């Protein structure tokens, strides 16, 4: 009887040992799978974080580039406006000589036919008034009583004032500034010379 119990105990012990060994193997495999899954998850999260960081860096770089470009354009526009202001100041103080008289005559010759009104009214600043008075002498045009607040040039109007052609220095400069912008910028801030190409290494 004792032998039978001993055999049973031995059998139970062996089965228990087998169960424990099998459970250990299952646990080890489960732990390996869990580690592999965790490593995959960590790698995926790291890749996602790196990708998100790269996107943020690219966005910041693009935003910085855009800000620098806006600042550059604003600076260029300031230079253009400064050049225009200097040009107007020169027009205000330029001598009322033959060259100025020729310019005013050209403005009248272009504006009067375009206005197409009898007895046009001419407006100009006080400095240009003597020249304009000479230029319209003997014509149907008349000089306005009040000087115009312009740097130079003319404003040609119909007698009732409903039609007006602005040929002032300010208007002429505003019309030309878009076409002359590149030229003005080239004079004020010439582009940097091109860098020499790198020679290939032998």
Foldseek 3Di string as FASTA:
>chain_A
DVVVVVVVVVVVVVVVVVVVVVVVVVVVVVVVVVVVVVVVVVVVVVVVVVVVVVVVVVVVVVVVVVVVVVVVVVVLVVLLVVVLVVVLVCLLPPDCDPVQLVVQLVLCVVVPVVQVAFQKEKAAAPRCVVSVCVSCPPGSYYYDPDHDPASGYIWIAHPVRPDIDDGTSVVVCVVCCVVCSVVSCCVVPNDDDDDDDDDDDD
